[in-house]
Protein backbone atom coordinates (compact mmCIF):
# COMPACT_ATOMS: atom_id res chain seq x y z
CA MET A 1 26.44 -52.87 96.19
CA ASN A 2 26.25 -56.87 96.77
CA GLU A 3 25.15 -58.40 93.26
CA ARG A 4 22.52 -61.31 93.56
CA VAL A 5 23.19 -64.94 92.34
CA THR A 6 20.72 -67.21 91.05
CA LEU A 7 19.68 -71.00 92.09
CA GLU A 8 17.26 -73.18 91.63
CA ALA A 9 15.93 -75.50 94.19
CA GLU A 10 13.21 -78.51 94.60
CA PRO A 11 11.28 -78.95 97.75
CA ARG A 12 12.40 -82.05 99.76
CA VAL A 13 10.11 -84.51 102.14
CA VAL A 14 11.88 -85.48 104.71
CA ALA A 15 9.87 -88.85 104.48
CA ASP A 16 10.01 -90.02 101.32
CA GLU A 17 13.73 -88.81 100.41
CA ARG A 18 16.68 -89.93 102.83
CA ALA A 19 19.48 -87.40 103.38
CA GLN A 20 22.27 -90.33 102.10
CA ASN A 21 20.09 -91.28 98.95
CA LEU A 22 20.07 -88.38 97.83
CA ARG A 23 23.88 -87.60 97.98
CA LYS A 24 24.59 -90.71 96.33
CA ALA A 25 22.37 -89.15 93.37
CA GLY A 26 24.16 -85.97 93.30
CA ILE A 27 21.94 -84.03 95.12
CA ILE A 28 22.67 -82.02 98.28
CA PRO A 29 20.02 -81.41 100.91
CA ALA A 30 19.40 -78.16 102.54
CA VAL A 31 17.11 -75.80 104.44
CA ILE A 32 16.31 -71.77 104.35
CA TYR A 33 15.32 -70.20 108.09
CA GLY A 34 14.63 -66.76 109.13
CA GLN A 35 11.71 -65.71 108.01
CA GLY A 36 8.35 -67.96 108.78
CA ASP A 37 8.10 -71.72 108.44
CA ASN A 38 11.84 -73.48 107.70
CA THR A 39 11.88 -74.71 104.10
CA LEU A 40 13.43 -78.12 103.05
CA LEU A 41 15.37 -77.88 99.69
CA LYS A 42 17.66 -80.19 97.41
CA ILE A 43 19.89 -78.99 95.02
CA GLU A 44 22.12 -80.49 92.11
CA ASN A 45 25.60 -81.09 93.73
CA LEU A 46 27.36 -78.61 90.99
CA ALA A 47 24.84 -76.09 91.05
CA LEU A 48 25.18 -75.64 94.75
CA ARG A 49 28.88 -75.75 94.78
CA ARG A 50 29.41 -73.34 91.38
CA VAL A 51 26.77 -70.84 94.10
CA LEU A 52 28.64 -71.64 97.47
CA LYS A 53 31.98 -70.31 95.22
CA GLU A 54 30.76 -67.48 94.21
CA ALA A 55 28.70 -66.21 96.81
CA GLY A 56 30.75 -66.87 100.01
CA THR A 57 29.00 -65.94 102.79
CA THR A 58 28.41 -62.24 101.73
CA HIS A 59 26.63 -62.23 98.61
CA LEU A 60 22.84 -62.46 98.43
CA ILE A 61 21.91 -65.26 96.59
CA ASP A 62 18.27 -66.08 94.99
CA ILE A 63 16.72 -69.82 95.44
CA THR A 64 13.95 -69.72 93.76
CA VAL A 65 11.28 -72.70 95.04
CA GLU A 66 8.52 -73.81 92.94
CA ASP A 67 8.00 -70.11 91.58
CA ILE A 68 8.97 -68.36 95.00
CA THR A 69 12.27 -66.61 95.13
CA HIS A 70 13.99 -66.54 98.79
CA THR A 71 16.35 -63.77 99.42
CA VAL A 72 19.53 -65.27 101.50
CA VAL A 73 22.96 -65.99 102.35
CA VAL A 74 24.93 -68.91 103.16
CA LYS A 75 24.91 -69.64 107.07
CA ASP A 76 26.62 -72.70 107.58
CA VAL A 77 28.13 -75.65 105.32
CA GLN A 78 28.57 -78.82 106.35
CA SER A 79 31.32 -81.16 104.54
CA HIS A 80 32.66 -84.30 104.90
CA VAL A 81 35.95 -84.35 107.48
CA THR A 82 38.11 -86.15 104.94
CA ARG A 83 36.87 -85.93 101.45
CA GLY A 84 35.32 -82.73 101.51
CA ASP A 85 31.81 -83.55 99.91
CA LEU A 86 29.21 -81.67 100.33
CA ILE A 87 26.55 -82.64 103.14
CA HIS A 88 24.12 -80.23 104.08
CA VAL A 89 23.68 -76.40 103.27
CA ASP A 90 22.28 -73.52 106.09
CA PHE A 91 20.85 -70.72 103.88
CA TYR A 92 19.17 -67.23 106.11
CA GLU A 93 16.49 -65.52 104.52
CA VAL A 94 17.13 -61.96 105.25
CA ASP A 95 14.52 -59.60 105.73
CA MET A 96 15.56 -56.57 102.86
CA GLU A 97 14.28 -54.08 105.05
CA ALA A 98 15.77 -54.76 107.69
CA LYS A 99 19.54 -54.64 108.97
CA ILE A 100 22.38 -57.67 109.06
CA ILE A 101 25.06 -58.49 110.44
CA VAL A 102 27.84 -60.35 108.77
CA GLU A 103 31.55 -60.97 108.30
CA ALA A 104 33.91 -59.51 105.24
CA ASP A 105 37.05 -60.26 104.71
CA LEU A 106 40.07 -58.26 104.56
CA VAL A 107 42.39 -57.91 101.34
CA THR A 108 45.58 -56.42 101.00
CA THR A 109 46.90 -54.34 97.91
CA GLY A 110 50.25 -52.02 97.69
CA ILE A 111 53.25 -52.25 99.88
CA ALA A 112 54.62 -50.94 102.46
CA ALA A 113 57.72 -48.24 102.41
CA PRO A 114 59.40 -50.09 104.92
CA VAL A 115 59.18 -53.30 103.02
CA ALA A 116 60.25 -52.12 99.82
CA SER A 117 63.49 -50.53 101.67
CA GLY A 118 63.97 -54.54 102.32
CA LEU A 119 63.29 -54.19 106.14
CA GLY A 120 60.93 -56.55 106.53
CA THR A 121 57.25 -57.71 106.01
CA THR A 122 53.74 -56.69 106.79
CA ALA A 123 51.55 -59.21 109.11
CA LEU A 124 48.15 -59.31 108.90
CA VAL A 125 46.76 -59.67 112.62
CA LEU A 126 42.99 -59.56 111.48
CA TYR A 127 41.36 -61.47 108.19
CA SER A 128 37.83 -60.04 108.85
CA VAL A 129 35.49 -57.51 110.24
CA GLU A 130 32.55 -58.09 111.67
CA ILE A 131 29.67 -55.28 109.81
CA GLU A 132 26.20 -54.39 110.03
CA CYS A 133 24.48 -52.85 106.92
CA MET A 134 21.24 -53.62 105.05
CA PRO A 135 20.90 -56.37 102.90
CA ASP A 136 21.33 -54.30 99.48
CA ALA A 137 24.51 -52.76 100.77
CA LEU A 138 26.52 -56.10 101.83
CA ILE A 139 29.98 -56.14 100.74
CA SER A 140 32.15 -59.51 100.89
CA THR A 141 35.47 -57.67 101.02
CA ILE A 142 37.63 -54.72 102.33
CA GLU A 143 40.55 -53.62 100.82
CA ILE A 144 44.01 -52.55 102.70
CA ASP A 145 46.61 -50.07 101.32
CA LEU A 146 49.80 -51.39 102.53
CA GLY A 147 51.37 -48.21 101.39
CA GLN A 148 49.57 -46.49 104.61
CA ILE A 149 52.85 -47.68 106.14
CA LYS A 150 55.49 -45.22 105.49
CA ASN A 151 57.86 -46.18 108.82
CA PRO A 152 57.83 -49.70 110.57
CA ASP A 153 56.65 -48.42 113.62
CA ASP A 154 53.56 -47.13 111.49
CA MET A 155 50.37 -49.49 112.02
CA ILE A 156 46.73 -49.70 109.81
CA TYR A 157 43.86 -50.17 112.33
CA VAL A 158 40.52 -51.13 111.68
CA ARG A 159 39.71 -47.12 112.33
CA ASP A 160 41.61 -46.87 109.43
CA LEU A 161 39.79 -49.09 106.63
CA PRO A 162 37.89 -47.61 103.90
CA ILE A 163 34.53 -48.14 104.18
CA SER A 164 31.51 -48.18 102.02
CA SER A 165 28.51 -45.60 102.81
CA GLY A 166 25.48 -47.59 104.83
CA VAL A 167 28.56 -50.04 106.02
CA GLU A 168 28.70 -49.74 109.95
CA VAL A 169 31.95 -51.82 110.98
CA LEU A 170 31.20 -53.15 114.48
CA THR A 171 34.77 -54.53 115.13
CA ASP A 172 36.51 -52.76 117.76
CA PRO A 173 38.00 -48.91 115.96
CA ASP A 174 41.40 -49.88 117.86
CA ALA A 175 42.27 -53.35 116.73
CA VAL A 176 45.33 -53.63 114.95
CA VAL A 177 44.61 -55.12 110.88
CA VAL A 178 48.23 -54.67 109.90
CA ARG A 179 51.76 -54.08 111.33
CA PHE A 180 55.16 -54.23 110.25
CA GLU A 181 57.66 -56.54 111.20
CA TYR A 182 61.44 -56.05 111.17
CA THR A 183 63.50 -59.22 109.69
CA PRO A 184 65.13 -60.97 112.22
CA ILE A 185 68.72 -60.00 112.00
CA GLU A 186 69.74 -63.77 113.31
CA GLU A 187 68.35 -64.82 109.88
CA GLU A 188 70.45 -62.92 107.98
CA GLU A 189 73.77 -64.10 109.76
CA GLU A 190 72.76 -67.38 109.00
CA GLU A 191 72.09 -66.89 105.75
CA ASP A 192 75.57 -64.93 105.14
CA ILE A 193 77.29 -67.85 107.23
CA GLU A 194 75.74 -70.30 104.92
CA GLU A 195 76.61 -68.73 102.02
CA GLU A 196 80.34 -68.62 103.24
CA LEU A 197 80.47 -72.06 103.75
CA MET A 198 78.70 -72.72 100.20
CA PHE A 199 82.28 -70.84 98.79
CA ALA A 200 84.58 -72.08 101.11
CA PRO A 201 87.25 -74.74 100.00
CA SER A 202 87.41 -78.03 101.07
CA ALA A 203 89.82 -79.78 104.10
CA ASP A 204 91.40 -81.86 100.88
CA GLU A 205 91.59 -78.67 98.92
CA VAL A 206 93.69 -77.02 101.35
CA GLU A 207 97.24 -77.43 101.66
CA VAL A 208 98.47 -77.68 105.45
CA ILE A 209 101.88 -75.71 106.14
CA THR A 210 103.35 -77.41 109.55
CA LYS A 211 105.31 -74.91 111.50
CA GLY A 212 107.90 -76.39 113.33
CA LYS A 213 111.57 -76.79 113.69
CA ILE A 214 114.39 -76.67 111.59
CA GLU A 215 116.64 -79.54 111.95
CA ASP A 216 120.54 -78.46 112.42
CA GLU A 217 122.67 -79.99 109.33
CA ASP A 218 125.81 -81.21 109.60
CA PHE A 219 128.54 -78.90 108.01
CA ASP A 220 132.32 -80.30 107.36
CA ASP A 221 134.66 -77.36 108.78
């Protein structure tokens, strides 16, 4: 079950408070939408950053504004292109009685047998999948056990993912999630050649023996 993250916010009146002035004062403008009228907010910068890091886009957040609590998920974060400063955040208010669609990140655990044997590496083809569930059943990540790959030809598909009860994966079940990739032979050969050259003697350390005709010496009869 997805744990709630809490956040305090204050209402914002656009006409009286310019967004640029708020950001200079360490306050970030935000909005809650999805259920009824939009709610404009202003949130302290450091508190907002902490919540965004902890919640990501799949954890439920309880935002309290003037004693009213809104249960939301992060929908969009706008940041400065070069500095990375927060500019604006959109929150989507969820209906606790209706299903929600979000992206769950894929993370790997374990090691594939061919990798343990030194034959190559595993490649993660998909980094997230789309899921649908009730808000209280939201999950942020799905773990993939690479130990399922016993042979180089084995692959892990979306249909092989371990899914929590109450969660439905909407991504194509036949989509490849992880596959094995051999280490290219050329790379191994190049490494061997480089190693040989590393320990080979330099030109001035090699004694050059010239083969040629030995001139006849004069002998007295």
